[in-house]
Amino acid sequence: MKEGDFLFKLEGFSSYPYPLALTFLSEEGHTILKVNQAFLTTFGLKSEPVSQTLERVLGYFSFSPGLSLFPYEGAFYYSITLSLDEGRHLHILIRDRELFKFHQWYHTDRLMSLGKLAGEISHELKNPLSGILLYAEMLKDEIPSGSKAREFVDKIIELARRCRIISKTLLDFGKPDAEKKEWIDLNQVILKVYNFLVDYHIFREIKFEMKLDPKLPPFYASQTQMEQVMLNLFINAAEAMKGKGKIYVETQAKPDRIIIVVEDTGPGIPPEVLPFIFDPFFTTKEGKEGSGLGLAICANIIKHHGGTITAYNSPKGGAGFQIKLTLPTREALRSDVF
């Protein structure tokens, strides 16, 4: 059964916060191959009940794949049973009142995995992007000023730099506050991203309607990260509308906060999808078109800037996103500096 090989791949088995049991389905029941420390502690066992069946240790009931409920010493537990290879099953056992907290641990675990993956991706992209920038700069020096070709090379340089920013943002997904912060004009951030995207083919039949508050105060933030947020929102809107429609952008200055609204005239967000729209890896795009990371990165950036982002369906039709950024107090700024 190659138990050792499988457990080696099951990273973090021993330290999971909920009781885990790895079993092999036999005629007698689910024969235990391995349990973690949380299993022993929760069910008051002094040693691993290896070779015993899960049914005998916890009471007779069916551990069928999926979610099931069972009693144990006056309490109720849920069993989340996952079918693995070669007759193995993984059982996650959760006290009934703890079930609603389970998604928080699962979400954190996914973020840890994402951070590890992001680091590997970022390092793989670093050298090729640096090479593209180097050769593009050298090529630019060989092209006469004012040439159309020089404009194309400038676009290549700008795109390569954007890819480097995206790569770094993904790498910093779990710690976006490490980016250098400064006083920035969010209206100018929006206009910069708009000017960068407006020539792309997917935006050629999209009309932007902007209502930018001229009294918007400066905001203490990472400019590259705020650009990343607007970039993702604009691209998502354009893709949802399949390159045809209108994107409405508004900024508002309030006494204690800044509000940014981005709405589109696309099909909107299905109600059943709204609760998960900011989850990592969640995407409604078909095939390989979406990674499910864009909005998760946006939400994490906004959170680490002391704000919130919410998604909704606009009364006029289409999807909407509202960002609320709390203006920092003098004390907050002092703690940030030191």
Protein backbone atom coordinates (compact mmCIF):
# COMPACT_ATOMS: atom_id res chain seq x y z
CA MET A 1 0.00 0.00 0.00
CA LYS A 2 3.05 2.24 0.17
CA GLU A 3 1.75 3.97 3.25
CA GLY A 4 4.99 5.81 3.94
CA ASP A 5 5.17 7.24 0.41
CA PHE A 6 1.62 8.54 0.63
CA LEU A 7 2.03 10.11 4.06
CA PHE A 8 5.21 11.81 2.92
CA LYS A 9 3.17 13.59 0.25
CA LEU A 10 0.42 14.47 2.74
CA GLU A 11 2.27 17.55 3.96
CA GLY A 12 1.26 18.84 7.40
CA PHE A 13 -0.73 15.70 8.35
CA SER A 14 0.54 15.61 11.93
CA SER A 15 0.00 19.31 12.64
CA TYR A 16 -3.50 19.79 11.18
CA PRO A 17 -5.74 21.43 13.81
CA TYR A 18 -8.62 18.98 13.26
CA PRO A 19 -8.61 15.21 13.89
CA LEU A 20 -7.45 13.29 10.80
CA ALA A 21 -7.52 9.58 10.13
CA LEU A 22 -6.05 7.79 7.14
CA THR A 23 -7.73 4.44 6.56
CA PHE A 24 -7.81 1.49 4.19
CA LEU A 25 -11.20 0.04 3.30
CA SER A 26 -11.37 -3.67 4.15
CA GLU A 27 -14.10 -6.22 4.84
CA GLU A 28 -14.05 -5.31 8.55
CA GLY A 29 -14.42 -1.59 7.88
CA HIS A 30 -12.04 1.35 7.61
CA THR A 31 -8.75 -0.01 8.98
CA ILE A 32 -6.67 2.80 10.48
CA LEU A 33 -3.25 3.39 8.93
CA LYS A 34 -2.44 6.69 10.63
CA VAL A 35 -4.03 9.38 12.83
CA ASN A 36 -2.70 12.77 13.85
CA GLN A 37 -2.17 14.25 17.32
CA ALA A 38 -5.49 16.12 17.22
CA PHE A 39 -7.28 12.79 16.75
CA LEU A 40 -5.61 11.30 19.84
CA THR A 41 -6.32 14.40 21.95
CA THR A 42 -9.95 14.83 20.85
CA PHE A 43 -10.95 11.22 21.40
CA GLY A 44 -8.81 10.64 24.52
CA LEU A 45 -6.45 8.01 23.11
CA LYS A 46 -2.96 7.41 24.52
CA SER A 47 -1.57 5.67 21.43
CA GLU A 48 -2.39 5.31 17.76
CA PRO A 49 -5.12 2.69 17.18
CA VAL A 50 -3.30 1.33 14.14
CA SER A 51 -4.84 -1.81 12.55
CA GLN A 52 -8.13 -1.20 14.36
CA THR A 53 -11.15 -0.03 12.42
CA LEU A 54 -12.44 3.51 12.66
CA GLU A 55 -15.92 2.07 13.26
CA ARG A 56 -14.72 0.18 16.34
CA VAL A 57 -12.77 3.11 17.81
CA LEU A 58 -15.50 5.72 17.35
CA GLY A 59 -18.61 3.57 17.23
CA TYR A 60 -20.43 1.71 14.49
CA PHE A 61 -21.57 3.92 11.65
CA SER A 62 -20.91 4.37 7.95
CA PHE A 63 -17.95 6.54 6.90
CA SER A 64 -19.17 6.93 3.32
CA PRO A 65 -17.49 9.51 1.06
CA GLY A 66 -18.87 12.99 1.63
CA LEU A 67 -20.28 14.54 4.80
CA SER A 68 -21.84 12.44 7.58
CA LEU A 69 -22.80 13.02 11.21
CA PHE A 70 -22.08 10.69 14.14
CA PRO A 71 -22.35 10.78 17.96
CA TYR A 72 -19.43 10.24 20.31
CA GLU A 73 -19.68 10.41 24.12
CA GLY A 74 -22.59 12.82 24.20
CA ALA A 75 -21.37 15.09 21.39
CA PHE A 76 -21.92 15.13 17.67
CA TYR A 77 -19.16 15.15 15.08
CA TYR A 78 -19.06 15.54 11.33
CA SER A 79 -16.92 13.30 9.18
CA ILE A 80 -15.67 14.72 5.89
CA THR A 81 -14.52 11.59 4.08
CA LEU A 82 -12.35 11.86 0.96
CA SER A 83 -11.71 8.88 -1.32
CA LEU A 84 -8.03 8.51 -2.20
CA ASP A 85 -6.14 5.94 -4.29
CA GLU A 86 -5.87 2.16 -3.74
CA GLY A 87 -8.80 1.93 -1.31
CA ARG A 88 -7.54 4.62 1.04
CA HIS A 89 -9.75 7.26 2.64
CA LEU A 90 -8.92 10.46 4.49
CA HIS A 91 -11.38 11.41 7.25
CA ILE A 92 -11.53 14.93 8.70
CA LEU A 93 -13.49 14.82 11.95
CA ILE A 94 -15.01 18.05 13.23
CA ARG A 95 -17.17 18.78 16.27
CA ASP A 96 -20.57 20.03 15.10
CA ARG A 97 -20.17 23.50 16.61
CA GLU A 98 -16.70 23.83 15.07
CA LEU A 99 -17.83 23.09 11.52
CA PHE A 100 -18.50 26.75 10.73
CA LYS A 101 -14.89 27.58 11.64
CA PHE A 102 -13.50 24.89 9.35
CA HIS A 103 -13.57 27.09 6.23
CA GLN A 104 -11.32 29.64 7.97
CA TRP A 105 -8.59 27.02 8.49
CA TYR A 106 -9.07 25.69 4.95
CA HIS A 107 -8.83 29.21 3.53
CA THR A 108 -5.61 29.88 5.47
CA ASP A 109 -4.12 26.60 4.30
CA ARG A 110 -4.86 27.51 0.67
CA LEU A 111 -3.20 30.89 1.14
CA MET A 112 -0.07 29.23 2.53
CA SER A 113 0.06 26.94 -0.50
CA LEU A 114 -0.51 29.89 -2.78
CA GLY A 115 2.36 31.82 -1.18
CA LYS A 116 4.74 28.92 -1.78
CA LEU A 117 3.60 28.56 -5.39
CA ALA A 118 3.82 32.31 -5.97
CA GLY A 119 7.43 32.37 -4.84
CA GLU A 120 8.36 29.65 -7.29
CA ILE A 121 6.52 31.38 -10.16
CA SER A 122 8.08 34.74 -9.38
CA HIS A 123 11.62 33.36 -9.39
CA GLU A 124 11.00 31.53 -12.66
CA LEU A 125 9.81 34.75 -14.32
CA LYS A 126 12.50 37.05 -12.92
CA ASN A 127 15.35 36.17 -15.29
CA PRO A 128 13.33 36.09 -18.55
CA LEU A 129 11.69 39.43 -17.74
CA SER A 130 15.05 41.01 -16.91
CA GLY A 131 16.39 39.75 -20.25
CA ILE A 132 13.42 41.16 -22.16
CA LEU A 133 13.90 44.57 -20.51
CA LEU A 134 17.66 44.58 -21.17
CA TYR A 135 17.39 43.74 -24.87
CA ALA A 136 14.41 46.09 -25.35
CA GLU A 137 16.40 48.98 -23.86
CA MET A 138 19.37 48.14 -26.11
CA LEU A 139 17.08 47.97 -29.15
CA LYS A 140 15.53 51.32 -28.23
CA ASP A 141 18.96 52.98 -28.30
CA GLU A 142 19.41 51.80 -31.90
CA ILE A 143 16.10 53.30 -33.12
CA PRO A 144 15.89 56.99 -34.12
CA SER A 145 13.82 59.25 -31.89
CA GLY A 146 10.31 59.86 -33.24
CA SER A 147 10.17 56.54 -35.09
CA LYS A 148 6.98 54.46 -34.88
CA ALA A 149 9.15 51.45 -34.08
CA ARG A 150 10.46 53.29 -31.02
CA GLU A 151 6.87 53.61 -29.75
CA PHE A 152 6.42 49.85 -30.12
CA VAL A 153 9.62 49.19 -28.16
CA ASP A 154 8.41 51.55 -25.42
CA LYS A 155 5.23 49.44 -25.23
CA ILE A 156 7.32 46.27 -24.90
CA ILE A 157 9.31 47.85 -22.07
CA GLU A 158 6.15 49.04 -20.33
CA LEU A 159 4.51 45.61 -20.65
CA ALA A 160 7.59 43.80 -19.35
CA ARG A 161 7.71 46.13 -16.35
CA ARG A 162 4.01 45.51 -15.77
CA CYS A 163 4.64 41.76 -15.81
CA ARG A 164 7.41 42.24 -13.26
CA ILE A 165 5.04 44.22 -11.02
CA ILE A 166 2.36 41.53 -11.34
CA SER A 167 4.91 38.84 -10.52
CA LYS A 168 6.10 40.75 -7.45
CA THR A 169 2.51 41.42 -6.35
CA LEU A 170 1.77 37.70 -6.50
CA LEU A 171 4.95 36.99 -4.53
CA ASP A 172 3.86 39.53 -1.89
CA PHE A 173 0.30 38.15 -1.75
CA GLY A 174 0.64 37.19 1.91
CA LYS A 175 2.56 40.34 2.90
CA PRO A 176 1.54 43.22 0.64
CA ASP A 177 2.27 45.78 3.35
CA ALA A 178 6.00 45.22 2.69
CA GLU A 179 5.72 47.42 -0.42
CA LYS A 180 6.99 50.98 -0.03
CA LYS A 181 4.17 53.41 0.74
CA GLU A 182 3.96 57.09 -0.13
CA TRP A 183 1.38 59.84 -0.54
CA ILE A 184 -0.38 59.27 -3.86
CA ASP A 185 -3.23 60.74 -5.89
CA LEU A 186 -5.71 57.93 -6.52
CA ASN A 187 -7.31 59.89 -9.37
CA GLN A 188 -3.94 59.89 -11.13
CA VAL A 189 -3.54 56.16 -10.45
CA ILE A 190 -6.85 55.51 -12.19
CA LEU A 191 -5.96 57.72 -15.16
CA LYS A 192 -2.53 56.12 -15.50
CA VAL A 193 -4.01 52.61 -15.65
CA TYR A 194 -6.67 53.82 -18.11
CA ASN A 195 -4.05 55.36 -20.42
CA PHE A 196 -2.04 52.17 -20.25
CA LEU A 197 -4.97 49.94 -21.21
CA VAL A 198 -6.93 52.09 -23.65
CA ASP A 199 -5.01 50.92 -26.74
CA TYR A 200 -5.51 47.21 -26.04
CA HIS A 201 -7.85 45.47 -28.47
CA ILE A 202 -10.29 44.36 -25.76
CA PHE A 203 -10.81 48.01 -24.74
CA ARG A 204 -11.22 49.52 -28.22
CA GLU A 205 -15.03 49.24 -28.15
CA ILE A 206 -15.40 50.05 -24.47
CA LYS A 207 -16.36 53.53 -23.34
CA PHE A 208 -15.06 54.83 -20.02
CA GLU A 209 -17.20 57.24 -18.04
CA MET A 210 -15.29 58.85 -15.18
CA LYS A 211 -16.46 61.05 -12.34
CA LEU A 212 -13.31 61.76 -10.37
CA ASP A 213 -13.65 63.98 -7.32
CA PRO A 214 -11.20 66.91 -7.72
CA LYS A 215 -11.10 67.31 -3.93
CA LEU A 216 -9.83 63.80 -3.35
CA PRO A 217 -7.16 63.97 -0.63
CA PRO A 218 -3.77 62.23 -1.00
CA PHE A 219 -3.74 58.66 0.28
CA TYR A 220 -0.81 56.91 1.96
CA ALA A 221 -0.34 53.70 -0.03
CA SER A 222 1.78 51.63 -2.38
CA GLN A 223 1.23 53.11 -5.82
CA THR A 224 2.14 49.90 -7.68
CA GLN A 225 -0.31 47.88 -5.60
CA MET A 226 -3.15 50.36 -6.10
CA GLU A 227 -2.40 50.31 -9.83
CA GLN A 228 -2.66 46.52 -9.67
CA VAL A 229 -6.12 46.75 -8.09
CA MET A 230 -7.45 49.10 -10.78
CA LEU A 231 -5.80 47.05 -13.52
CA ASN A 232 -7.54 43.87 -12.36
CA LEU A 233 -10.94 45.56 -11.99
CA PHE A 234 -10.76 47.13 -15.46
CA ILE A 235 -9.61 43.92 -17.16
CA ASN A 236 -12.28 41.84 -15.39
CA ALA A 237 -14.96 44.31 -16.51
CA ALA A 238 -13.74 44.27 -20.11
CA GLU A 239 -13.64 40.48 -20.21
CA ALA A 240 -17.11 40.19 -18.66
CA MET A 241 -18.48 42.51 -21.39
CA LYS A 242 -16.49 40.66 -24.10
CA GLY A 243 -14.94 43.93 -25.23
CA LYS A 244 -18.18 45.88 -25.78
CA GLY A 245 -19.88 48.14 -23.24
CA LYS A 246 -19.17 50.86 -20.70
CA ILE A 247 -17.05 51.07 -17.56
CA TYR A 248 -18.11 53.68 -15.00
CA VAL A 249 -15.48 54.88 -12.53
CA GLU A 250 -16.16 57.27 -9.65
CA THR A 251 -14.12 58.56 -6.74
CA GLN A 252 -15.62 60.30 -3.72
CA ALA A 253 -13.97 62.22 -0.90
CA LYS A 254 -15.56 61.74 2.52
CA PRO A 255 -14.43 63.29 5.83
CA ASP A 256 -12.75 60.08 7.01
CA ARG A 257 -12.43 57.94 3.90
CA ILE A 258 -12.12 57.65 0.13
CA ILE A 259 -14.59 55.67 -1.95
CA ILE A 260 -13.86 54.23 -5.38
CA VAL A 261 -16.63 52.71 -7.50
CA VAL A 262 -16.11 50.63 -10.65
CA GLU A 263 -19.18 49.36 -12.53
CA ASP A 264 -19.68 47.75 -15.92
CA THR A 265 -22.59 46.98 -18.25
CA GLY A 266 -21.85 43.26 -18.47
CA PRO A 267 -24.06 40.34 -17.41
CA GLY A 268 -23.45 40.88 -13.70
CA ILE A 269 -22.46 38.36 -11.02
CA PRO A 270 -24.69 35.33 -10.34
CA PRO A 271 -26.05 35.60 -6.77
CA GLU A 272 -24.70 32.17 -5.85
CA VAL A 273 -21.20 33.31 -6.85
CA LEU A 274 -21.07 36.59 -4.87
CA PRO A 275 -19.98 35.04 -1.51
CA PHE A 276 -16.93 33.46 -3.15
CA ILE A 277 -15.88 36.17 -5.61
CA PHE A 278 -12.73 37.11 -3.62
CA ASP A 279 -11.64 33.54 -2.79
CA PRO A 280 -8.25 32.46 -4.20
CA PHE A 281 -8.55 30.16 -7.24
CA PHE A 282 -12.28 30.82 -7.59
CA THR A 283 -13.19 31.72 -11.16
CA THR A 284 -16.27 31.63 -13.39
CA LYS A 285 -14.17 31.77 -16.55
CA GLU A 286 -14.19 28.65 -18.64
CA GLY A 287 -11.18 26.51 -19.50
CA LYS A 288 -7.78 28.09 -18.93
CA GLU A 289 -8.92 31.71 -19.26
CA GLY A 290 -8.87 32.54 -15.57
CA SER A 291 -6.64 31.66 -12.62
CA GLY A 292 -9.00 32.92 -9.91
CA LEU A 293 -6.26 35.08 -8.38
CA GLY A 294 -7.00 38.61 -9.60
CA LEU A 295 -9.80 39.57 -7.21
CA ALA A 296 -8.20 37.68 -4.32
CA ILE A 297 -5.07 39.78 -4.76
CA CYS A 298 -7.18 42.95 -4.96
CA ALA A 299 -8.98 42.11 -1.73
CA ASN A 300 -5.72 41.38 0.09
CA ILE A 301 -4.11 44.62 -1.09
CA ILE A 302 -7.11 46.70 -0.03
CA LYS A 303 -7.27 44.92 3.34
CA HIS A 304 -3.61 45.69 4.06
CA HIS A 305 -4.28 49.33 3.23
CA GLY A 306 -6.94 49.45 5.93
CA GLY A 307 -9.87 49.29 3.54
CA THR A 308 -12.61 47.02 2.27
CA ILE A 309 -13.80 45.97 -1.17
CA THR A 310 -17.29 44.64 -1.88
CA ALA A 311 -18.88 43.23 -5.03
CA TYR A 312 -22.50 43.73 -6.03
CA ASN A 313 -24.84 43.83 -9.00
CA SER A 314 -25.62 47.35 -10.15
CA PRO A 315 -29.32 48.35 -10.37
CA LYS A 316 -28.53 49.48 -13.94
CA GLY A 317 -27.22 46.01 -14.80
CA GLY A 318 -23.70 44.70 -14.71
CA ALA A 319 -21.23 44.09 -11.90
CA GLY A 320 -20.03 46.70 -9.45
CA PHE A 321 -17.16 46.98 -7.00
CA GLN A 322 -16.91 49.50 -4.19
CA ILE A 323 -13.63 50.21 -2.41
CA LYS A 324 -13.62 52.06 0.91
CA LEU A 325 -10.25 53.33 2.09
CA THR A 326 -10.06 54.79 5.58
CA LEU A 327 -7.89 57.90 5.77
CA PRO A 328 -5.03 57.17 8.20
CA THR A 329 -4.76 59.03 11.47
CA ARG A 330 -1.60 60.81 12.50
CA GLU A 331 -0.91 58.08 15.06
CA ALA A 332 -1.28 55.35 12.43
CA LEU A 333 1.15 57.10 10.14
CA ARG A 334 3.67 57.50 12.96
CA SER A 335 3.53 53.75 13.72
CA ASP A 336 3.88 52.97 10.01
CA VAL A 337 7.00 55.09 9.69
CA PHE A 338 8.69 53.55 12.71
